[in-house]
Amino acid sequence: MTRFTRARTALVLAACLLLAQGAVVTLLGTSTPGPVLSDLIEVAVAGLAMFHCSRASGRSTGLARSFWALAATTFTIAFVDFSLMVWSEFFPGSVGLQWVGNMLGCFWFFPLALGMFLDPERETEGLDLLVAVDFVQAAVFCVAAYLYFFYIPKSSAASQLFNGTSGASTSAMMERPRRRIRGRVSVIVTPNR
C-alpha cells in the first residue's frame, strides 16, 4: 500500500466518521442510543488522530517531530477521556473515573498548546529540559486553576472555607497595589506649579 493510498484511506475514514457523527446528532439527538453512539464515534476519531499523529512524528525530524509528538499526546489524552465517558455511560457508579475523565476533558488540548513553546532555533532530538520544565509549570498552573474554579467550590465544607478566605485574601492582595496606584496617579495628575 503506497503512502498516497494510506492517506486517502485515512481521509475517507475520517469523513465517514464525521458524517456518522452528524447523522447521529441530527437523527437521534439526545434520545437513548444517541449520546452513547456519539461518544463511541468521538473515541474512534480521537484514536484515528492519535494513530496518524504518532506516525507523522515517527517520520519527521527536529521541530516537526516535537510538534507531531505533542499532537499525538493531545489526542491520546482525548482518547482516554472519551473512553472514560463511554465507560461511565455503561457503568455510572464509578465516581473516581468520572472525576479523572472530567479533569482530562478540561485539559486534553494542553499538550498541543505547548507547541507555542517550541523554539525552531533550538531543535533537539531528545528531551529538552527547558521545555519539560515549561510543561510541568503550565500543568501545575492548569490543575490549580481547575481545582480553584471547579472542584473546590463544589464541596460544601471546602466551599465555606474557600469563600471565607477568598474575599479576605483578595482584598488584602488588592489593597497594597491600590495604595501605590493612588500615590502615582496623584503625582501624575497634580500639575507642577
Foldseek 3Di string as FASTA:
>chain_A
DDPVVVVVVLVVVLVVLVVVLVCLCVPVNPPDVSVLVNLVSQLVNLVSQLVVLCVQLVVDFWLSVLLSVLSNQLSVLSNLLSVLVNVCVVVVPPPVSVVVSVLSVVCSCPSNVLSVVDDRVDTDRDDDPVSVVVSVVVVVVSVVVCCLPPPQCVDDVSVVVSVVVVVVVVVVVPVVVVVVVVVVVVVVPDDDD
